[in-house]
């Protein structure tokens, strides 16, 4: 094998390796909060939805880029915290979940409609109220919360990425739909008075 053949073989091998690596690279199809679609080889941000492909085939990808252990726990037993403004135990519950690194959704109970929705969900107005999958926990007892979180598979210490942010809290009850007001009908002008002929002006009743 001469030098030219050897160089050609090396070049073909390098090109083949580069092609294989490119085909194996994971590509994310990212849908941003504004609905725009983009493609990237970087894991998506927490506020973005993504579908990953590797070698042209779809693979599973966590939208928030969570570690496997957290992805499994959140998919099986999602955590939702119900709170109210100026509720000290609610703030304590939020701090417990945050310090342990538990991804959670927060729903606020601040209106009469929120209260009615909470009653239908938990049976009363006790706050904080925590759900872990189908488990429902009323009030803040840190040891009880820790026990349930451990049983659900959440790590004892935080594994969250540094840039992870939980979704913003939202009201439990949707805002009431605006009441449609009936449009006022335009006022019609009053009909002009009909002038009647004066019978005394034409006593013979002559018509033209």
Foldseek 3Di string as FASTA:
>chain_A
DDPVVVVVVVVVVVVVVVVQVVLQQKKKFKQAPVRDTDIDSDQADLRIDIWIDGSNHTDDHDNHNAPPLLVQLCVQWAKEKEEEPPDVQSVVVVVLCVQQAHAHAYAYQYDPQLQVLVCVVPVHRAPGWMGTRNDIDGTDDPVVVLVVCVVSRRDRGHPHDPNHDHDDYYHPDDDDDDDDDDDDDDDDDDDDDDDDDDCVVCVPPDDD
